[in-house]
Structure formats: C-alpha cells, structure tokens
C-alpha cells in the first residue's frame, strides 16, 4: 500500500506532462476551444484561408483607445 501512495506524485506528474504536451500539440495545429459567449461553445480549427459567407473570423484588434474602451465596457 505504501508503494502505491509513493507512486501517486509520479503518476500525477506524468499525467500533467502528457496533458500539457497534448494541449501544446493541439494549439500548434490550430485547434482552439471557445468558452466565450461570442460564438457557440466548442472546439474549432483555425485556418488561413479567405473567409466565406458564414465563416467565423478571429481578429486581434490593435491597442488603441476605441478598442480599449470597448473591452472595458464589455462590448
């Protein structure tokens, strides 16, 4: 029983490492998890193609006063 208890930190560390490596690989190939209210909850694959009607588009707005105010207001 004691040997099993001693192995728990090892198994927890290995499991955490595997999870982190899997998450990094998913991020590297373009998989994203959406948890916001902006689009339906789910797993999405990002692409660099020209968007078509009906596609979701991700943007990173510049750090200027208009966008900073919108972020502050929660828009």
PDB file of N, CA and C in Angstrom:
ATOM      1  N   UNK A   1       0.824  -1.191   0.000  1.00  0.00           N
ATOM      2  CA  UNK A   1       0.000   0.000   0.000  1.00  0.00           C
ATOM      3  C   UNK A   1       0.871   1.260   0.000  1.00  0.00           C
ATOM      4  N   UNK A   2       1.965   1.239   0.793  1.00  0.00           N
ATOM      5  CA  UNK A   2       2.831   2.405   0.855  1.00  0.00           C
ATOM      6  C   UNK A   2       3.480   2.687  -0.496  1.00  0.00           C
ATOM      7  N   UNK A   3       3.824   1.630  -1.242  1.00  0.00           N
ATOM      8  CA  UNK A   3       4.471   1.859  -2.536  1.00  0.00           C
ATOM      9  C   UNK A   3       3.494   2.523  -3.516  1.00  0.00           C
ATOM     10  N   UNK A   4       2.221   2.206  -3.412  1.00  0.00           N
ATOM     11  CA  UNK A   4       1.212   2.841  -4.266  1.00  0.00           C
ATOM     12  C   UNK A   4       1.085   4.319  -3.928  1.00  0.00           C
ATOM     13  N   UNK A   5       1.074   4.643  -2.647  1.00  0.00           N
ATOM     14  CA  UNK A   5       0.968   6.046  -2.218  1.00  0.00           C
ATOM     15  C   UNK A   5       2.202   6.824  -2.655  1.00  0.00           C
ATOM     16  N   UNK A   6       3.362   6.200  -2.645  1.00  0.00           N
ATOM     17  CA  UNK A   6       4.586   6.873  -3.080  1.00  0.00           C
ATOM     18  C   UNK A   6       4.587   7.121  -4.586  1.00  0.00           C
ATOM     19  N   UNK A   7       3.875   6.326  -5.340  1.00  0.00           N
ATOM     20  CA  UNK A   7       3.839   6.476  -6.794  1.00  0.00           C
ATOM     21  C   UNK A   7       2.842   7.532  -7.261  1.00  0.00           C
ATOM     22  N   UNK A   8       1.917   7.945  -6.429  1.00  0.00           N
ATOM     23  CA  UNK A   8       0.884   8.902  -6.830  1.00  0.00           C
ATOM     24  C   UNK A   8       1.493  10.205  -7.361  1.00  0.00           C
ATOM     25  N   UNK A   9       2.458  10.821  -6.696  1.00  0.00           N
ATOM     26  CA  UNK A   9       3.051  12.050  -7.266  1.00  0.00           C
ATOM     27  C   UNK A   9       3.707  11.809  -8.631  1.00  0.00           C
ATOM     28  N   UNK A  10       4.313  10.653  -8.803  1.00  0.00           N
ATOM     29  CA  UNK A  10       4.931  10.318 -10.087  1.00  0.00           C
ATOM     30  C   UNK A  10       3.869  10.242 -11.176  1.00  0.00           C
ATOM     31  N   UNK A  11       2.790   9.501 -10.923  1.00  0.00           N
ATOM     32  CA  UNK A  11       1.734   9.354 -11.920  1.00  0.00           C
ATOM     33  C   UNK A  11       1.037  10.688 -12.182  1.00  0.00           C
ATOM     34  N   UNK A  12       0.867  11.497 -11.163  1.00  0.00           N
ATOM     35  CA  UNK A  12       0.253  12.815 -11.346  1.00  0.00           C
ATOM     36  C   UNK A  12       1.153  13.697 -12.207  1.00  0.00           C
ATOM     37  N   UNK A  13       2.443  13.666 -11.976  1.00  0.00           N
ATOM     38  CA  UNK A  13       3.383  14.468 -12.764  1.00  0.00           C
ATOM     39  C   UNK A  13       3.422  14.005 -14.218  1.00  0.00           C
ATOM     40  N   UNK A  14       3.469  12.712 -14.430  1.00  0.00           N
ATOM     41  CA  UNK A  14       3.480  12.176 -15.791  1.00  0.00           C
ATOM     42  C   UNK A  14       2.177  12.517 -16.509  1.00  0.00           C
ATOM     43  N   UNK A  15       1.050  12.396 -15.817  1.00  0.00           N
ATOM     44  CA  UNK A  15      -0.240  12.736 -16.420  1.00  0.00           C
ATOM     45  C   UNK A  15      -0.312  14.213 -16.785  1.00  0.00           C
ATOM     46  N   UNK A  16       0.176  15.074 -15.904  1.00  0.00           N
ATOM     47  CA  UNK A  16       0.177  16.512 -16.185  1.00  0.00           C
ATOM     48  C   UNK A  16       1.072  16.829 -17.374  1.00  0.00           C
ATOM     49  N   UNK A  17       2.225  16.197 -17.462  1.00  0.00           N
ATOM     50  CA  UNK A  17       3.131  16.415 -18.579  1.00  0.00           C
ATOM     51  C   UNK A  17       2.504  15.965 -19.893  1.00  0.00           C
ATOM     52  N   UNK A  18       1.871  14.810 -19.895  1.00  0.00           N
ATOM     53  CA  UNK A  18       1.196  14.314 -21.097  1.00  0.00           C
ATOM     54  C   UNK A  18       0.085  15.263 -21.513  1.00  0.00           C
ATOM     55  N   UNK A  19      -0.688  15.751 -20.549  1.00  0.00           N
ATOM     56  CA  UNK A  19      -1.763  16.699 -20.861  1.00  0.00           C
ATOM     57  C   UNK A  19      -1.206  17.979 -21.458  1.00  0.00           C
ATOM     58  N   UNK A  20      -0.130  18.514 -20.886  1.00  0.00           N
ATOM     59  CA  UNK A  20       0.475  19.738 -21.404  1.00  0.00           C
ATOM     60  C   UNK A  20       1.029  19.551 -22.815  1.00  0.00           C
ATOM     61  N   UNK A  21       1.682  18.425 -23.063  1.00  0.00           N
ATOM     62  CA  UNK A  21       2.209  18.153 -24.400  1.00  0.00           C
ATOM     63  C   UNK A  21       1.079  18.003 -25.415  1.00  0.00           C
ATOM     64  N   UNK A  22       0.000  17.319 -25.030  1.00  0.00           N
ATOM     65  CA  UNK A  22      -1.158  17.159 -25.905  1.00  0.00           C
ATOM     66  C   UNK A  22      -1.797  18.517 -26.197  1.00  0.00           C
ATOM     67  N   UNK A  23      -1.943  19.353 -25.174  1.00  0.00           N
ATOM     68  CA  UNK A  23      -2.527  20.681 -25.354  1.00  0.00           C
ATOM     69  C   UNK A  23      -1.666  21.536 -26.280  1.00  0.00           C
ATOM     70  N   UNK A  24      -0.355  21.486 -26.097  1.00  0.00           N
ATOM     71  CA  UNK A  24       0.549  22.259 -26.952  1.00  0.00           C
ATOM     72  C   UNK A  24       0.475  21.786 -28.399  1.00  0.00           C
ATOM     73  N   UNK A  25       0.382  20.476 -28.603  1.00  0.00           N
ATOM     74  CA  UNK A  25       0.268  19.944 -29.964  1.00  0.00           C
ATOM     75  C   UNK A  25      -1.046  20.380 -30.611  1.00  0.00           C
ATOM     76  N   UNK A  26      -2.132  20.347 -29.862  1.00  0.00           N
ATOM     77  CA  UNK A  26      -3.428  20.789 -30.396  1.00  0.00           C
ATOM     78  C   UNK A  26      -3.386  22.264 -30.762  1.00  0.00           C
ATOM     79  N   UNK A  27      -2.782  23.082 -29.919  1.00  0.00           N
ATOM     80  CA  UNK A  27      -2.669  24.514 -30.197  1.00  0.00           C
ATOM     81  C   UNK A  27      -1.809  24.743 -31.441  1.00  0.00           C
ATOM     82  N   UNK A  28      -0.729  23.975 -31.580  1.00  0.00           N
ATOM     83  CA  UNK A  28       0.190  24.136 -32.709  1.00  0.00           C
ATOM     84  C   UNK A  28      -0.480  23.815 -34.039  1.00  0.00           C
ATOM     85  N   UNK A  29      -1.405  22.870 -34.059  1.00  0.00           N
ATOM     86  CA  UNK A  29      -2.071  22.533 -35.319  1.00  0.00           C
ATOM     87  C   UNK A  29      -3.301  23.393 -35.570  1.00  0.00           C
ATOM     88  N   UNK A  30      -3.630  24.283 -34.635  1.00  0.00           N
ATOM     89  CA  UNK A  30      -4.714  25.230 -34.874  1.00  0.00           C
ATOM     90  C   UNK A  30      -6.023  24.931 -34.177  1.00  0.00           C
ATOM     91  N   UNK A  31      -6.053  24.001 -33.259  1.00  0.00           N
ATOM     92  CA  UNK A  31      -7.291  23.719 -32.531  1.00  0.00           C
ATOM     93  C   UNK A  31      -7.467  24.722 -31.402  1.00  0.00           C
ATOM     94  N   UNK A  32      -8.655  25.270 -31.309  1.00  0.00           N
ATOM     95  CA  UNK A  32      -8.966  26.239 -30.260  1.00  0.00           C
ATOM     96  C   UNK A  32     -10.282  25.858 -29.602  1.00  0.00           C
ATOM     97  N   UNK A  33     -10.370  26.039 -28.298  1.00  0.00           N
ATOM     98  CA  UNK A  33     -11.604  25.795 -27.550  1.00  0.00           C
ATOM     99  C   UNK A  33     -12.228  27.153 -27.256  1.00  0.00           C
ATOM    100  N   UNK A  34     -13.483  27.316 -27.650  1.00  0.00           N
ATOM    101  CA  UNK A  34     -14.181  28.559 -27.366  1.00  0.00           C
ATOM    102  C   UNK A  34     -15.053  28.362 -26.142  1.00  0.00           C
ATOM    103  N   UNK A  35     -14.863  29.225 -25.142  1.00  0.00           N
ATOM    104  CA  UNK A  35     -15.701  29.186 -23.941  1.00  0.00           C
ATOM    105  C   UNK A  35     -16.422  30.512 -23.748  1.00  0.00           C
ATOM    106  N   UNK A  36     -16.310  31.412 -24.745  1.00  0.00           N
ATOM    107  CA  UNK A  36     -16.953  32.719 -24.636  1.00  0.00           C
ATOM    108  C   UNK A  36     -18.385  32.654 -25.163  1.00  0.00           C
ATOM    109  N   UNK A  37     -19.111  33.752 -24.974  1.00  0.00           N
ATOM    110  CA  UNK A  37     -20.486  33.834 -25.460  1.00  0.00           C
ATOM    111  C   UNK A  37     -20.554  34.358 -26.892  1.00  0.00           C
ATOM    112  N   UNK A  38     -19.408  34.675 -27.494  1.00  0.00           N
ATOM    113  CA  UNK A  38     -19.405  35.287 -28.818  1.00  0.00           C
ATOM    114  C   UNK A  38     -19.852  34.325 -29.915  1.00  0.00           C
ATOM    115  N   UNK A  39     -19.476  33.066 -29.804  1.00  0.00           N
ATOM    116  CA  UNK A  39     -19.906  32.021 -30.739  1.00  0.00           C
ATOM    117  C   UNK A  39     -20.223  30.785 -29.912  1.00  0.00           C
ATOM    118  N   UNK A  40     -20.888  29.785 -30.497  1.00  0.00           N
ATOM    119  CA  UNK A  40     -21.232  28.603 -29.706  1.00  0.00           C
ATOM    120  C   UNK A  40     -20.016  27.914 -29.087  1.00  0.00           C
ATOM    121  N   UNK A  41     -20.214  27.398 -27.888  1.00  0.00           N
ATOM    122  CA  UNK A  41     -19.190  26.651 -27.174  1.00  0.00           C
ATOM    123  C   UNK A  41     -18.726  25.491 -28.046  1.00  0.00           C
ATOM    124  N   UNK A  42     -17.430  25.284 -28.139  1.00  0.00           N
ATOM    125  CA  UNK A  42     -16.959  24.154 -28.929  1.00  0.00           C
ATOM    126  C   UNK A  42     -15.489  24.202 -29.240  1.00  0.00           C
ATOM    127  N   UNK A  43     -15.075  23.222 -30.027  1.00  0.00           N
ATOM    128  CA  UNK A  43     -13.701  23.066 -30.473  1.00  0.00           C
ATOM    129  C   UNK A  43     -13.646  23.504 -31.936  1.00  0.00           C
ATOM    130  N   UNK A  44     -12.742  24.436 -32.255  1.00  0.00           N
ATOM    131  CA  UNK A  44     -12.654  24.997 -33.592  1.00  0.00           C
ATOM    132  C   UNK A  44     -11.258  24.824 -34.153  1.00  0.00           C
ATOM    133  N   UNK A  45     -11.168  24.657 -35.469  1.00  0.00           N
ATOM    134  CA  UNK A  45      -9.894  24.551 -36.168  1.00  0.00           C
ATOM    135  C   UNK A  45      -9.661  25.848 -36.920  1.00  0.00           C
ATOM    136  N   UNK A  46      -8.543  26.523 -36.638  1.00  0.00           N
ATOM    137  CA  UNK A  46      -8.237  27.772 -37.320  1.00  0.00           C
ATOM    138  C   UNK A  46      -7.591  27.466 -38.669  1.00  0.00           C
ATOM    139  N   UNK A  47      -7.871  28.342 -39.652  1.00  0.00           N
ATOM    140  CA  UNK A  47      -7.311  28.196 -40.990  1.00  0.00           C
ATOM    141  C   UNK A  47      -6.896  29.560 -41.497  1.00  0.00           C
ATOM    142  N   UNK A  48      -5.992  29.588 -42.452  1.00  0.00           N
ATOM    143  CA  UNK A  48      -5.517  30.843 -43.022  1.00  0.00           C
ATOM    144  C   UNK A  48      -6.110  31.092 -44.410  1.00  0.00           C
ATOM    145  N   UNK A  49      -7.266  30.530 -44.680  1.00  0.00           N
ATOM    146  CA  UNK A  49      -7.881  30.707 -45.990  1.00  0.00           C
ATOM    147  C   UNK A  49      -8.734  31.971 -46.015  1.00  0.00           C
ATOM    148  N   UNK A  50      -9.143  32.368 -47.200  1.00  0.00           N
ATOM    149  CA  UNK A  50     -10.027  33.523 -47.353  1.00  0.00           C
ATOM    150  C   UNK A  50     -11.398  33.161 -46.804  1.00  0.00           C
ATOM    151  N   UNK A  51     -11.940  33.983 -45.905  1.00  0.00           N
ATOM    152  CA  UNK A  51     -13.240  33.641 -45.315  1.00  0.00           C
ATOM    153  C   UNK A  51     -14.374  33.733 -46.337  1.00  0.00           C
ATOM    154  N   UNK A  52     -15.341  32.846 -46.152  1.00  0.00           N
ATOM    155  CA  UNK A  52     -16.539  32.820 -46.987  1.00  0.00           C
ATOM    156  C   UNK A  52     -17.725  33.233 -46.122  1.00  0.00           C
ATOM    157  N   UNK A  53     -18.836  33.510 -46.752  1.00  0.00           N
ATOM    158  CA  UNK A  53     -20.045  33.869 -46.011  1.00  0.00           C
ATOM    159  C   UNK A  53     -20.399  32.729 -45.066  1.00  0.00           C
ATOM    160  N   UNK A  54     -20.643  33.064 -43.801  1.00  0.00           N
ATOM    161  CA  UNK A  54     -20.998  32.079 -42.791  1.00  0.00           C
ATOM    162  C   UNK A  54     -19.833  31.586 -41.954  1.00  0.00           C
ATOM    163  N   UNK A  55     -18.601  31.922 -42.343  1.00  0.00           N
ATOM    164  CA  UNK A  55     -17.424  31.512 -41.580  1.00  0.00           C
ATOM    165  C   UNK A  55     -17.258  32.394 -40.342  1.00  0.00           C
ATOM    166  N   UNK A  56     -16.697  31.829 -39.288  1.00  0.00           N
ATOM    167  CA  UNK A  56     -16.312  32.606 -38.122  1.00  0.00           C
ATOM    168  C   UNK A  56     -14.929  33.185 -38.385  1.00  0.00           C
ATOM    169  N   UNK A  57     -14.711  34.421 -37.943  1.00  0.00           N
ATOM    170  CA  UNK A  57     -13.437  35.090 -38.167  1.00  0.00           C
ATOM    171  C   UNK A  57     -12.888  35.564 -36.825  1.00  0.00           C
ATOM    172  N   UNK A  58     -11.603  35.290 -36.587  1.00  0.00           N
ATOM    173  CA  UNK A  58     -10.930  35.727 -35.368  1.00  0.00           C
ATOM    174  C   UNK A  58     -10.049  36.915 -35.734  1.00  0.00           C
ATOM    175  N   UNK A  59     -10.150  37.980 -34.964  1.00  0.00           N
ATOM    176  CA  UNK A  59      -9.277  39.131 -35.187  1.00  0.00           C
ATOM    177  C   UNK A  59      -8.609  39.515 -33.871  1.00  0.00           C
ATOM    178  N   UNK A  60      -7.474  40.154 -33.987  1.00  0.00           N
ATOM    179  CA  UNK A  60      -6.782  40.727 -32.830  1.00  0.00           C
ATOM    180  C   UNK A  60      -6.713  42.225 -33.059  1.00  0.00           C
ATOM    181  N   UNK A  61      -7.636  42.989 -32.459  1.00  0.00           N
ATOM    182  CA  UNK A  61      -7.647  44.424 -32.702  1.00  0.00           C
ATOM    183  C   UNK A  61      -6.422  45.107 -32.100  1.00  0.00           C
ATOM    184  N   UNK A  62      -6.017  46.226 -32.703  1.00  0.00           N
ATOM    185  CA  UNK A  62      -4.857  46.953 -32.170  1.00  0.00           C
ATOM    186  C   UNK A  62      -5.178  47.581 -30.817  1.00  0.00           C
ATOM    187  N   UNK A  63      -4.136  47.884 -30.072  1.00  0.00           N
ATOM    188  CA  UNK A  63      -4.281  48.508 -28.747  1.00  0.00           C
ATOM    189  C   UNK A  63      -4.461  50.019 -28.917  1.00  0.00           C
ATOM    190  N   UNK A  64      -5.667  50.441 -29.304  1.00  0.00           N
ATOM    191  CA  UNK A  64      -5.930  51.871 -29.399  1.00  0.00           C
ATOM    192  C   UNK A  64      -7.128  52.212 -28.516  1.00  0.00           C
ATOM    193  N   UNK A  65      -7.369  53.485 -28.239  1.00  0.00           N
ATOM    194  CA  UNK A  65      -8.396  53.880 -27.269  1.00  0.00           C
ATOM    195  C   UNK A  65      -9.799  53.341 -27.546  1.00  0.00           C
ATOM    196  N   UNK A  66     -10.179  53.244 -28.814  1.00  0.00           N
ATOM    197  CA  UNK A  66     -11.527  52.760 -29.144  1.00  0.00           C
ATOM    198  C   UNK A  66     -11.703  51.316 -28.682  1.00  0.00           C
ATOM    199  N   UNK A  67     -10.753  50.464 -29.009  1.00  0.00           N
ATOM    200  CA  UNK A  67     -10.859  49.056 -28.632  1.00  0.00           C
ATOM    201  C   UNK A  67     -10.667  48.854 -27.129  1.00  0.00           C
ATOM    202  N   UNK A  68      -9.801  49.639 -26.518  1.00  0.00           N
ATOM    203  CA  UNK A  68      -9.602  49.522 -25.070  1.00  0.00           C
ATOM    204  C   UNK A  68     -10.877  49.920 -24.311  1.00  0.00           C
ATOM    205  N   UNK A  69     -11.577  50.953 -24.786  1.00  0.00           N
ATOM    206  CA  UNK A  69     -12.840  51.375 -24.162  1.00  0.00           C
ATOM    207  C   UNK A  69     -13.913  50.299 -24.344  1.00  0.00           C
ATOM    208  N   UNK A  70     -13.971  49.691 -25.533  1.00  0.00           N
ATOM    209  CA  UNK A  70     -14.947  48.630 -25.782  1.00  0.00           C
ATOM    210  C   UNK A  70     -14.675  47.433 -24.873  1.00  0.00           C
ATOM    211  N   UNK A  71     -13.413  47.099 -24.679  1.00  0.00           N
ATOM    212  CA  UNK A  71     -13.054  45.992 -23.787  1.00  0.00           C
ATOM    213  C   UNK A  71     -13.462  46.320 -22.349  1.00  0.00           C
ATOM    214  N   UNK A  72     -13.220  47.559 -21.946  1.00  0.00           N
ATOM    215  CA  UNK A  72     -13.584  47.983 -20.584  1.00  0.00           C
ATOM    216  C   UNK A  72     -15.092  47.911 -20.359  1.00  0.00           C
ATOM    217  N   UNK A  73     -15.857  48.260 -21.398  1.00  0.00           N
ATOM    218  CA  UNK A  73     -17.321  48.233 -21.307  1.00  0.00           C
ATOM    219  C   UNK A  73     -17.897  46.831 -21.477  1.00  0.00           C
ATOM    220  N   UNK A  74     -17.053  45.867 -21.904  1.00  0.00           N
ATOM    221  CA  UNK A  74     -17.530  44.502 -22.097  1.00  0.00           C
ATOM    222  C   UNK A  74     -18.265  44.282 -23.403  1.00  0.00           C
ATOM    223  N   UNK A  75     -17.972  45.106 -24.390  1.00  0.00           N
ATOM    224  CA  UNK A  75     -18.638  45.000 -25.696  1.00  0.00           C
ATOM    225  C   UNK A  75     -17.904  44.004 -26.561  1.00  0.00           C
TER     226      UNK A  75
END
